[in-house]
């Protein structure tokens, strides 16, 4: 690929990247919480469904953020944006590698 084409491709990729302020790394999960005692719904086996954003950090440490129902759509979009941004940066990096070749 010629250098001009590589630069054009890189610019197009960069323009399609999502806004980096609208990202969240992690996995959005639906979990069921059950209380140990005192809850008739849990005693009956139902539990309480909740949304959780799970993020794993270096060293294996994991954090979970409880997500309110009204935040779920926004968090889903942020997680998708993070994946799109990561994929776009990888593609741009590959094009930059092409520019380094003689």
PDB file of N, CA and C in Angstrom:
ATOM      1  N   UNK A   1       0.850  -1.177   0.000  1.00  0.00           N
ATOM      2  CA  UNK A   1       0.000   0.000   0.000  1.00  0.00           C
ATOM      3  C   UNK A   1       0.892   1.236   0.000  1.00  0.00           C
ATOM      4  N   UNK A   2       0.573   2.180  -0.824  1.00  0.00           N
ATOM      5  CA  UNK A   2       1.377   3.396  -0.897  1.00  0.00           C
ATOM      6  C   UNK A   2       1.162   4.259   0.334  1.00  0.00           C
ATOM      7  N   UNK A   3       2.175   5.055   0.632  1.00  0.00           N
ATOM      8  CA  UNK A   3       2.152   5.862   1.845  1.00  0.00           C
ATOM      9  C   UNK A   3       0.932   6.789   1.896  1.00  0.00           C
ATOM     10  N   UNK A   4       0.573   7.390   0.771  1.00  0.00           N
ATOM     11  CA  UNK A   4      -0.587   8.294   0.731  1.00  0.00           C
ATOM     12  C   UNK A   4      -1.866   7.535   1.086  1.00  0.00           C
ATOM     13  N   UNK A   5      -2.028   6.329   0.542  1.00  0.00           N
ATOM     14  CA  UNK A   5      -3.219   5.519   0.839  1.00  0.00           C
ATOM     15  C   UNK A   5      -3.263   5.129   2.314  1.00  0.00           C
ATOM     16  N   UNK A   6      -2.110   4.808   2.865  1.00  0.00           N
ATOM     17  CA  UNK A   6      -2.039   4.442   4.283  1.00  0.00           C
ATOM     18  C   UNK A   6      -2.448   5.623   5.149  1.00  0.00           C
ATOM     19  N   UNK A   7      -1.927   6.805   4.829  1.00  0.00           N
ATOM     20  CA  UNK A   7      -2.265   7.999   5.607  1.00  0.00           C
ATOM     21  C   UNK A   7      -3.756   8.314   5.503  1.00  0.00           C
ATOM     22  N   UNK A   8      -4.327   8.176   4.306  1.00  0.00           N
ATOM     23  CA  UNK A   8      -5.765   8.419   4.124  1.00  0.00           C
ATOM     24  C   UNK A   8      -6.596   7.416   4.927  1.00  0.00           C
ATOM     25  N   UNK A   9      -6.202   6.144   4.858  1.00  0.00           N
ATOM     26  CA  UNK A   9      -6.919   5.112   5.614  1.00  0.00           C
ATOM     27  C   UNK A   9      -6.847   5.385   7.110  1.00  0.00           C
ATOM     28  N   UNK A  10      -5.679   5.762   7.570  1.00  0.00           N
ATOM     29  CA  UNK A  10      -5.492   6.056   8.993  1.00  0.00           C
ATOM     30  C   UNK A  10      -6.377   7.223   9.429  1.00  0.00           C
ATOM     31  N   UNK A  11      -6.439   8.260   8.604  1.00  0.00           N
ATOM     32  CA  UNK A  11      -7.272   9.425   8.929  1.00  0.00           C
ATOM     33  C   UNK A  11      -8.755   9.056   8.975  1.00  0.00           C
ATOM     34  N   UNK A  12      -9.199   8.224   8.018  1.00  0.00           N
ATOM     35  CA  UNK A  12     -10.605   7.796   8.008  1.00  0.00           C
ATOM     36  C   UNK A  12     -10.928   6.984   9.261  1.00  0.00           C
ATOM     37  N   UNK A  13     -10.020   6.086   9.627  1.00  0.00           N
ATOM     38  CA  UNK A  13     -10.231   5.293  10.846  1.00  0.00           C
ATOM     39  C   UNK A  13     -10.326   6.198  12.076  1.00  0.00           C
ATOM     40  N   UNK A  14      -9.429   7.160  12.167  1.00  0.00           N
ATOM     41  CA  UNK A  14      -9.406   8.061  13.326  1.00  0.00           C
ATOM     42  C   UNK A  14     -10.692   8.875  13.429  1.00  0.00           C
ATOM     43  N   UNK A  15     -11.244   9.267  12.298  1.00  0.00           N
ATOM     44  CA  UNK A  15     -12.480  10.051  12.310  1.00  0.00           C
ATOM     45  C   UNK A  15     -13.678   9.235  12.765  1.00  0.00           C
ATOM     46  N   UNK A  16     -13.628   7.910  12.584  1.00  0.00           N
ATOM     47  CA  UNK A  16     -14.762   7.054  12.956  1.00  0.00           C
ATOM     48  C   UNK A  16     -14.686   6.554  14.395  1.00  0.00           C
ATOM     49  N   UNK A  17     -13.610   6.876  15.100  1.00  0.00           N
ATOM     50  CA  UNK A  17     -13.486   6.419  16.482  1.00  0.00           C
ATOM     51  C   UNK A  17     -14.532   7.088  17.362  1.00  0.00           C
ATOM     52  N   UNK A  18     -15.047   6.366  18.346  1.00  0.00           N
ATOM     53  CA  UNK A  18     -16.016   6.976  19.267  1.00  0.00           C
ATOM     54  C   UNK A  18     -15.348   8.001  20.177  1.00  0.00           C
ATOM     55  N   UNK A  19     -16.148   8.853  20.747  1.00  0.00           N
ATOM     56  CA  UNK A  19     -15.674   9.871  21.685  1.00  0.00           C
ATOM     57  C   UNK A  19     -15.028   9.180  22.886  1.00  0.00           C
ATOM     58  N   UNK A  20     -13.742   9.439  23.153  1.00  0.00           N
ATOM     59  CA  UNK A  20     -13.080   8.742  24.257  1.00  0.00           C
ATOM     60  C   UNK A  20     -13.611   9.097  25.645  1.00  0.00           C
ATOM     61  N   UNK A  21     -14.423  10.129  25.753  1.00  0.00           N
ATOM     62  CA  UNK A  21     -15.021  10.437  27.055  1.00  0.00           C
ATOM     63  C   UNK A  21     -16.254   9.580  27.318  1.00  0.00           C
ATOM     64  N   UNK A  22     -16.689   8.823  26.308  1.00  0.00           N
ATOM     65  CA  UNK A  22     -17.900   8.012  26.422  1.00  0.00           C
ATOM     66  C   UNK A  22     -17.557   6.516  26.376  1.00  0.00           C
ATOM     67  N   UNK A  23     -16.577   6.106  27.192  1.00  0.00           N
ATOM     68  CA  UNK A  23     -16.179   4.706  27.195  1.00  0.00           C
ATOM     69  C   UNK A  23     -16.134   4.169  28.622  1.00  0.00           C
ATOM     70  N   UNK A  24     -16.271   2.859  28.736  1.00  0.00           N
ATOM     71  CA  UNK A  24     -16.088   2.165  30.014  1.00  0.00           C
ATOM     72  C   UNK A  24     -15.561   0.767  29.697  1.00  0.00           C
ATOM     73  N   UNK A  25     -14.468   0.408  30.346  1.00  0.00           N
ATOM     74  CA  UNK A  25     -13.914  -0.929  30.170  1.00  0.00           C
ATOM     75  C   UNK A  25     -14.615  -1.864  31.140  1.00  0.00           C
ATOM     76  N   UNK A  26     -14.914  -3.049  30.699  1.00  0.00           N
ATOM     77  CA  UNK A  26     -15.530  -4.023  31.582  1.00  0.00           C
ATOM     78  C   UNK A  26     -16.602  -4.829  30.868  1.00  0.00           C
ATOM     79  N   UNK A  27     -17.309  -5.623  31.653  1.00  0.00           N
ATOM     80  CA  UNK A  27     -18.379  -6.473  31.146  1.00  0.00           C
ATOM     81  C   UNK A  27     -19.640  -6.189  31.950  1.00  0.00           C
ATOM     82  N   UNK A  28     -20.727  -5.943  31.250  1.00  0.00           N
ATOM     83  CA  UNK A  28     -22.004  -5.695  31.912  1.00  0.00           C
ATOM     84  C   UNK A  28     -22.727  -7.030  32.076  1.00  0.00           C
ATOM     85  N   UNK A  29     -23.015  -7.374  33.318  1.00  0.00           N
ATOM     86  CA  UNK A  29     -23.642  -8.655  33.638  1.00  0.00           C
ATOM     87  C   UNK A  29     -24.948  -8.442  34.384  1.00  0.00           C
ATOM     88  N   UNK A  30     -25.864  -9.372  34.190  1.00  0.00           N
ATOM     89  CA  UNK A  30     -27.093  -9.390  34.987  1.00  0.00           C
ATOM     90  C   UNK A  30     -26.919 -10.493  36.020  1.00  0.00           C
ATOM     91  N   UNK A  31     -27.004 -10.135  37.278  1.00  0.00           N
ATOM     92  CA  UNK A  31     -26.820 -11.089  38.361  1.00  0.00           C
ATOM     93  C   UNK A  31     -28.065 -11.117  39.227  1.00  0.00           C
ATOM     94  N   UNK A  32     -28.161 -12.155  40.032  1.00  0.00           N
ATOM     95  CA  UNK A  32     -29.257 -12.264  40.982  1.00  0.00           C
ATOM     96  C   UNK A  32     -28.671 -12.276  42.385  1.00  0.00           C
ATOM     97  N   UNK A  33     -29.138 -11.354  43.208  1.00  0.00           N
ATOM     98  CA  UNK A  33     -28.686 -11.268  44.596  1.00  0.00           C
ATOM     99  C   UNK A  33     -29.732 -11.942  45.482  1.00  0.00           C
ATOM    100  N   UNK A  34     -29.249 -12.752  46.405  1.00  0.00           N
ATOM    101  CA  UNK A  34     -30.153 -13.414  47.357  1.00  0.00           C
ATOM    102  C   UNK A  34     -29.708 -13.070  48.766  1.00  0.00           C
ATOM    103  N   UNK A  35     -30.639 -12.597  49.568  1.00  0.00           N
ATOM    104  CA  UNK A  35     -30.353 -12.277  50.958  1.00  0.00           C
ATOM    105  C   UNK A  35     -30.292 -13.549  51.801  1.00  0.00           C
ATOM    106  N   UNK A  36     -29.492 -13.509  52.835  1.00  0.00           N
ATOM    107  CA  UNK A  36     -29.339 -14.689  53.701  1.00  0.00           C
ATOM    108  C   UNK A  36     -30.615 -14.962  54.492  1.00  0.00           C
ATOM    109  N   UNK A  37     -31.245 -13.909  54.974  1.00  0.00           N
ATOM    110  CA  UNK A  37     -32.486 -14.117  55.743  1.00  0.00           C
ATOM    111  C   UNK A  37     -33.313 -12.836  55.758  1.00  0.00           C
ATOM    112  N   UNK A  38     -34.559 -13.005  56.072  1.00  0.00           N
ATOM    113  CA  UNK A  38     -35.439 -11.847  56.230  1.00  0.00           C
ATOM    114  C   UNK A  38     -36.138 -11.378  54.973  1.00  0.00           C
ATOM    115  N   UNK A  39     -35.951 -12.047  53.854  1.00  0.00           N
ATOM    116  CA  UNK A  39     -36.577 -11.603  52.607  1.00  0.00           C
ATOM    117  C   UNK A  39     -37.426 -12.745  52.058  1.00  0.00           C
ATOM    118  N   UNK A  40     -38.720 -12.520  51.969  1.00  0.00           N
ATOM    119  CA  UNK A  40     -39.615 -13.589  51.508  1.00  0.00           C
ATOM    120  C   UNK A  40     -39.361 -13.936  50.038  1.00  0.00           C
ATOM    121  N   UNK A  41     -39.013 -12.967  49.225  1.00  0.00           N
ATOM    122  CA  UNK A  41     -38.735 -13.225  47.809  1.00  0.00           C
ATOM    123  C   UNK A  41     -37.506 -14.132  47.652  1.00  0.00           C
ATOM    124  N   UNK A  42     -36.471 -13.874  48.434  1.00  0.00           N
ATOM    125  CA  UNK A  42     -35.259 -14.702  48.379  1.00  0.00           C
ATOM    126  C   UNK A  42     -35.529 -16.094  48.956  1.00  0.00           C
ATOM    127  N   UNK A  43     -36.311 -16.146  50.018  1.00  0.00           N
ATOM    128  CA  UNK A  43     -36.643 -17.432  50.636  1.00  0.00           C
ATOM    129  C   UNK A  43     -37.394 -18.322  49.649  1.00  0.00           C
ATOM    130  N   UNK A  44     -38.203 -17.701  48.794  1.00  0.00           N
ATOM    131  CA  UNK A  44     -38.972 -18.444  47.795  1.00  0.00           C
ATOM    132  C   UNK A  44     -38.111 -18.836  46.593  1.00  0.00           C
ATOM    133  N   UNK A  45     -36.848 -18.358  46.556  1.00  0.00           N
ATOM    134  CA  UNK A  45     -35.926 -18.728  45.479  1.00  0.00           C
ATOM    135  C   UNK A  45     -35.842 -17.723  44.354  1.00  0.00           C
ATOM    136  N   UNK A  46     -36.550 -16.612  44.459  1.00  0.00           N
ATOM    137  CA  UNK A  46     -36.561 -15.629  43.372  1.00  0.00           C
ATOM    138  C   UNK A  46     -35.324 -14.753  43.310  1.00  0.00           C
ATOM    139  N   UNK A  47     -34.956 -14.190  44.429  1.00  0.00           N
ATOM    140  CA  UNK A  47     -33.826 -13.274  44.447  1.00  0.00           C
ATOM    141  C   UNK A  47     -34.167 -11.936  43.809  1.00  0.00           C
ATOM    142  N   UNK A  48     -33.149 -11.098  43.689  1.00  0.00           N
ATOM    143  CA  UNK A  48     -33.309  -9.741  43.153  1.00  0.00           C
ATOM    144  C   UNK A  48     -32.349  -9.553  41.987  1.00  0.00           C
ATOM    145  N   UNK A  49     -32.876  -9.390  40.755  1.00  0.00           N
ATOM    146  CA  UNK A  49     -31.991  -9.194  39.601  1.00  0.00           C
ATOM    147  C   UNK A  49     -31.362  -7.796  39.631  1.00  0.00           C
ATOM    148  N   UNK A  50     -30.061  -7.734  39.377  1.00  0.00           N
ATOM    149  CA  UNK A  50     -29.334  -6.460  39.328  1.00  0.00           C
ATOM    150  C   UNK A  50     -28.368  -6.489  38.148  1.00  0.00           C
ATOM    151  N   UNK A  51     -27.988  -5.297  37.673  1.00  0.00           N
ATOM    152  CA  UNK A  51     -26.968  -5.154  36.636  1.00  0.00           C
ATOM    153  C   UNK A  51     -25.673  -4.754  37.313  1.00  0.00           C
ATOM    154  N   UNK A  52     -24.567  -5.354  36.857  1.00  0.00           N
ATOM    155  CA  UNK A  52     -23.256  -5.112  37.446  1.00  0.00           C
ATOM    156  C   UNK A  52     -22.236  -4.936  36.330  1.00  0.00           C
ATOM    157  N   UNK A  53     -21.406  -3.897  36.431  1.00  0.00           N
ATOM    158  CA  UNK A  53     -20.267  -3.729  35.535  1.00  0.00           C
ATOM    159  C   UNK A  53     -19.065  -4.323  36.254  1.00  0.00           C
ATOM    160  N   UNK A  54     -18.479  -5.365  35.668  1.00  0.00           N
ATOM    161  CA  UNK A  54     -17.342  -6.055  36.262  1.00  0.00           C
ATOM    162  C   UNK A  54     -16.081  -5.659  35.502  1.00  0.00           C
ATOM    163  N   UNK A  55     -15.063  -5.218  36.251  1.00  0.00           N
ATOM    164  CA  UNK A  55     -13.804  -4.791  35.652  1.00  0.00           C
ATOM    165  C   UNK A  55     -12.667  -5.530  36.347  1.00  0.00           C
ATOM    166  N   UNK A  56     -11.802  -6.160  35.549  1.00  0.00           N
ATOM    167  CA  UNK A  56     -10.647  -6.863  36.100  1.00  0.00           C
ATOM    168  C   UNK A  56      -9.409  -6.017  35.866  1.00  0.00           C
ATOM    169  N   UNK A  57      -8.620  -5.841  36.917  1.00  0.00           N
ATOM    170  CA  UNK A  57      -7.412  -5.035  36.873  1.00  0.00           C
ATOM    171  C   UNK A  57      -6.177  -5.925  36.883  1.00  0.00           C
ATOM    172  N   UNK A  58      -5.021  -5.377  36.503  1.00  0.00           N
ATOM    173  CA  UNK A  58      -3.789  -6.170  36.563  1.00  0.00           C
ATOM    174  C   UNK A  58      -3.586  -6.752  37.961  1.00  0.00           C
ATOM    175  N   UNK A  59      -3.070  -7.953  38.000  1.00  0.00           N
ATOM    176  CA  UNK A  59      -2.892  -8.638  39.265  1.00  0.00           C
ATOM    177  C   UNK A  59      -4.108  -9.455  39.656  1.00  0.00           C
ATOM    178  N   UNK A  60      -5.137  -9.463  38.801  1.00  0.00           N
ATOM    179  CA  UNK A  60      -6.310 -10.278  39.056  1.00  0.00           C
ATOM    180  C   UNK A  60      -7.365  -9.646  39.949  1.00  0.00           C
ATOM    181  N   UNK A  61      -7.171  -8.394  40.362  1.00  0.00           N
ATOM    182  CA  UNK A  61      -8.167  -7.737  41.199  1.00  0.00           C
ATOM    183  C   UNK A  61      -9.394  -7.380  40.359  1.00  0.00           C
ATOM    184  N   UNK A  62     -10.560  -7.665  40.891  1.00  0.00           N
ATOM    185  CA  UNK A  62     -11.815  -7.401  40.189  1.00  0.00           C
ATOM    186  C   UNK A  62     -12.665  -6.445  41.008  1.00  0.00           C
ATOM    187  N   UNK A  63     -13.260  -5.471  40.310  1.00  0.00           N
ATOM    188  CA  UNK A  63     -14.225  -4.564  40.948  1.00  0.00           C
ATOM    189  C   UNK A  63     -15.557  -4.727  40.250  1.00  0.00           C
ATOM    190  N   UNK A  64     -16.613  -4.594  41.022  1.00  0.00           N
ATOM    191  CA  UNK A  64     -17.958  -4.641  40.465  1.00  0.00           C
ATOM    192  C   UNK A  64     -18.690  -3.372  40.855  1.00  0.00           C
ATOM    193  N   UNK A  65     -19.317  -2.771  39.860  1.00  0.00           N
ATOM    194  CA  UNK A  65     -20.091  -1.551  40.072  1.00  0.00           C
ATOM    195  C   UNK A  65     -21.557  -1.884  39.855  1.00  0.00           C
ATOM    196  N   UNK A  66     -22.385  -1.641  40.846  1.00  0.00           N
ATOM    197  CA  UNK A  66     -23.827  -1.842  40.677  1.00  0.00           C
ATOM    198  C   UNK A  66     -24.360  -0.759  39.757  1.00  0.00           C
ATOM    199  N   UNK A  67     -25.166  -1.182  38.785  1.00  0.00           N
ATOM    200  CA  UNK A  67     -25.718  -0.258  37.792  1.00  0.00           C
ATOM    201  C   UNK A  67     -27.222  -0.175  37.987  1.00  0.00           C
ATOM    202  N   UNK A  68     -27.717   1.047  38.135  1.00  0.00           N
ATOM    203  CA  UNK A  68     -29.162   1.222  38.242  1.00  0.00           C
ATOM    204  C   UNK A  68     -29.814   0.920  36.887  1.00  0.00           C
ATOM    205  N   UNK A  69     -31.039   0.499  36.943  1.00  0.00           N
ATOM    206  CA  UNK A  69     -31.773   0.122  35.727  1.00  0.00           C
ATOM    207  C   UNK A  69     -31.726   1.218  34.670  1.00  0.00           C
ATOM    208  N   UNK A  70     -31.866   2.467  35.083  1.00  0.00           N
ATOM    209  CA  UNK A  70     -31.893   3.563  34.112  1.00  0.00           C
ATOM    210  C   UNK A  70     -30.507   3.868  33.536  1.00  0.00           C
ATOM    211  N   UNK A  71     -29.449   3.337  34.131  1.00  0.00           N
ATOM    212  CA  UNK A  71     -28.085   3.539  33.617  1.00  0.00           C
ATOM    213  C   UNK A  71     -27.659   2.450  32.636  1.00  0.00           C
ATOM    214  N   UNK A  72     -28.393   1.357  32.588  1.00  0.00           N
ATOM    215  CA  UNK A  72     -27.968   0.188  31.821  1.00  0.00           C
ATOM    216  C   UNK A  72     -27.684   0.502  30.358  1.00  0.00           C
ATOM    217  N   UNK A  73     -28.593   1.208  29.678  1.00  0.00           N
ATOM    218  CA  UNK A  73     -28.413   1.516  28.262  1.00  0.00           C
ATOM    219  C   UNK A  73     -27.154   2.346  28.046  1.00  0.00           C
ATOM    220  N   UNK A  74     -26.929   3.322  28.911  1.00  0.00           N
ATOM    221  CA  UNK A  74     -25.750   4.170  28.788  1.00  0.00           C
ATOM    222  C   UNK A  74     -24.472   3.350  28.987  1.00  0.00           C
ATOM    223  N   UNK A  75     -24.458   2.489  29.992  1.00  0.00           N
ATOM    224  CA  UNK A  75     -23.271   1.682  30.271  1.00  0.00           C
ATOM    225  C   UNK A  75     -23.026   0.693  29.127  1.00  0.00           C
ATOM    226  N   UNK A  76     -24.083   0.100  28.580  1.00  0.00           N
ATOM    227  CA  UNK A  76     -23.922  -0.791  27.425  1.00  0.00           C
ATOM    228  C   UNK A  76     -23.246  -0.058  26.273  1.00  0.00           C
ATOM    229  N   UNK A  77     -23.678   1.170  26.022  1.00  0.00           N
ATOM    230  CA  UNK A  77     -23.090   1.963  24.936  1.00  0.00           C
ATOM    231  C   UNK A  77     -21.626   2.274  25.237  1.00  0.00           C
ATOM    232  N   UNK A  78     -21.313   2.630  26.476  1.00  0.00           N
ATOM    233  CA  UNK A  78     -19.928   2.918  26.846  1.00  0.00           C
ATOM    234  C   UNK A  78     -19.028   1.707  26.650  1.00  0.00           C
ATOM    235  N   UNK A  79     -19.517   0.528  27.006  1.00  0.00           N
ATOM    236  CA  UNK A  79     -18.725  -0.702  26.839  1.00  0.00           C
ATOM    237  C   UNK A  79     -18.517  -0.979  25.350  1.00  0.00           C
ATOM    238  N   UNK A  80     -19.569  -0.808  24.543  1.00  0.00           N
ATOM    239  CA  UNK A  80     -19.422  -0.983  23.086  1.00  0.00           C
ATOM    240  C   UNK A  80     -18.425   0.029  22.522  1.00  0.00           C
ATOM    241  N   UNK A  81     -18.520   1.280  22.976  1.00  0.00           N
ATOM    242  CA  UNK A  81     -17.591   2.315  22.519  1.00  0.00           C
ATOM    243  C   UNK A  81     -16.153   1.954  22.866  1.00  0.00           C
ATOM    244  N   UNK A  82     -15.947   1.397  24.047  1.00  0.00           N
ATOM    245  CA  UNK A  82     -14.603   0.996  24.451  1.00  0.00           C
ATOM    246  C   UNK A  82     -14.059  -0.060  23.475  1.00  0.00           C
ATOM    247  N   UNK A  83     -14.874  -1.045  23.143  1.00  0.00           N
ATOM    248  CA  UNK A  83     -14.441  -2.090  22.218  1.00  0.00           C
ATOM    249  C   UNK A  83     -14.139  -1.518  20.835  1.00  0.00           C
ATOM    250  N   UNK A  84     -15.008  -0.627  20.354  1.00  0.00           N
ATOM    251  CA  UNK A  84     -14.779   0.005  19.045  1.00  0.00           C
ATOM    252  C   UNK A  84     -13.509   0.832  19.053  1.00  0.00           C
ATOM    253  N   UNK A  85     -13.270   1.576  20.137  1.00  0.00           N
ATOM    254  CA  UNK A  85     -12.073   2.408  20.244  1.00  0.00           C
ATOM    255  C   UNK A  85     -10.825   1.530  20.258  1.00  0.00           C
ATOM    256  N   UNK A  86     -10.874   0.453  21.025  1.00  0.00           N
ATOM    257  CA  UNK A  86      -9.735  -0.457  21.116  1.00  0.00           C
ATOM    258  C   UNK A  86      -9.434  -1.075  19.737  1.00  0.00           C
ATOM    259  N   UNK A  87     -10.466  -1.545  19.041  1.00  0.00           N
ATOM    260  CA  UNK A  87     -10.271  -2.126  17.709  1.00  0.00           C
ATOM    261  C   UNK A  87      -9.728  -1.090  16.726  1.00  0.00           C
ATOM    262  N   UNK A  88     -10.248   0.130  16.807  1.00  0.00           N
ATOM    263  CA  UNK A  88      -9.783   1.196  15.920  1.00  0.00           C
ATOM    264  C   UNK A  88      -8.329   1.553  16.167  1.00  0.00           C
ATOM    265  N   UNK A  89      -7.941   1.613  17.426  1.00  0.00           N
ATOM    266  CA  UNK A  89      -6.545   1.919  17.742  1.00  0.00           C
ATOM    267  C   UNK A  89      -5.611   0.813  17.255  1.00  0.00           C
ATOM    268  N   UNK A  90      -6.058  -0.427  17.353  1.00  0.00           N
ATOM    269  CA  UNK A  90      -5.247  -1.545  16.841  1.00  0.00           C
ATOM    270  C   UNK A  90      -5.076  -1.424  15.331  1.00  0.00           C
ATOM    271  N   UNK A  91      -6.146  -1.076  14.624  1.00  0.00           N
ATOM    272  CA  UNK A  91      -6.076  -0.935  13.170  1.00  0.00           C
ATOM    273  C   UNK A  91      -5.144   0.221  12.783  1.00  0.00           C
ATOM    274  N   UNK A  92      -5.235   1.335  13.499  1.00  0.00           N
ATOM    275  CA  UNK A  92      -4.361   2.478  13.237  1.00  0.00           C
ATOM    276  C   UNK A  92      -2.910   2.098  13.507  1.00  0.00           C
ATOM    277  N   UNK A  93      -2.679   1.354  14.568  1.00  0.00           N
ATOM    278  CA  UNK A  93      -1.325   0.916  14.890  1.00  0.00           C
ATOM    279  C   UNK A  93      -0.753   0.050  13.765  1.00  0.00           C
ATOM    280  N   UNK A  94      -1.580  -0.838  13.204  1.00  0.00           N
ATOM    281  CA  UNK A  94      -1.115  -1.679  12.094  1.00  0.00           C
ATOM    282  C   UNK A  94      -0.743  -0.829  10.882  1.00  0.00           C
ATOM    283  N   UNK A  95      -1.546   0.196  10.605  1.00  0.00           N
ATOM    284  CA  UNK A  95      -1.213   1.085   9.483  1.00  0.00           C
ATOM    285  C   UNK A  95       0.094   1.832   9.756  1.00  0.00           C
ATOM    286  N   UNK A  96       0.292   2.252  10.997  1.00  0.00           N
ATOM    287  CA  UNK A  96       1.546   2.926  11.337  1.00  0.00           C
ATOM    288  C   UNK A  96       2.745   1.983  11.175  1.00  0.00           C
ATOM    289  N   UNK A  97       2.535   0.707  11.465  1.00  0.00           N
ATOM    290  CA  UNK A  97       3.607  -0.270  11.235  1.00  0.00           C
ATOM    291  C   UNK A  97       3.956  -0.338   9.761  1.00  0.00           C
ATOM    292  N   UNK A  98       2.934  -0.250   8.901  1.00  0.00           N
ATOM    293  CA  UNK A  98       3.172  -0.239   7.454  1.00  0.00           C
ATOM    294  C   UNK A  98       4.016   0.962   7.050  1.00  0.00           C
ATOM    295  N   UNK A  99       3.784   2.095   7.684  1.00  0.00           N
ATOM    296  CA  UNK A  99       4.559   3.307   7.372  1.00  0.00           C
ATOM    297  C   UNK A  99       6.028   3.158   7.749  1.00  0.00           C
ATOM    298  N   UNK A 100       6.316   2.305   8.723  1.00  0.00           N
ATOM    299  CA  UNK A 100       7.701   2.109   9.152  1.00  0.00           C
ATOM    300  C   UNK A 100       8.495   1.210   8.213  1.00  0.00           C
ATOM    301  N   UNK A 101       7.793   0.445   7.399  1.00  0.00           N
ATOM    302  CA  UNK A 101       8.479  -0.467   6.461  1.00  0.00           C
ATOM    303  C   UNK A 101       9.069   0.327   5.312  1.00  0.00           C
ATOM    304  N   UNK A 102      10.261  -0.082   4.857  1.00  0.00           N
ATOM    305  CA  UNK A 102      10.886   0.654   3.742  1.00  0.00           C
ATOM    306  C   UNK A 102      10.157   0.426   2.420  1.00  0.00           C
TER     307      UNK A 102
END
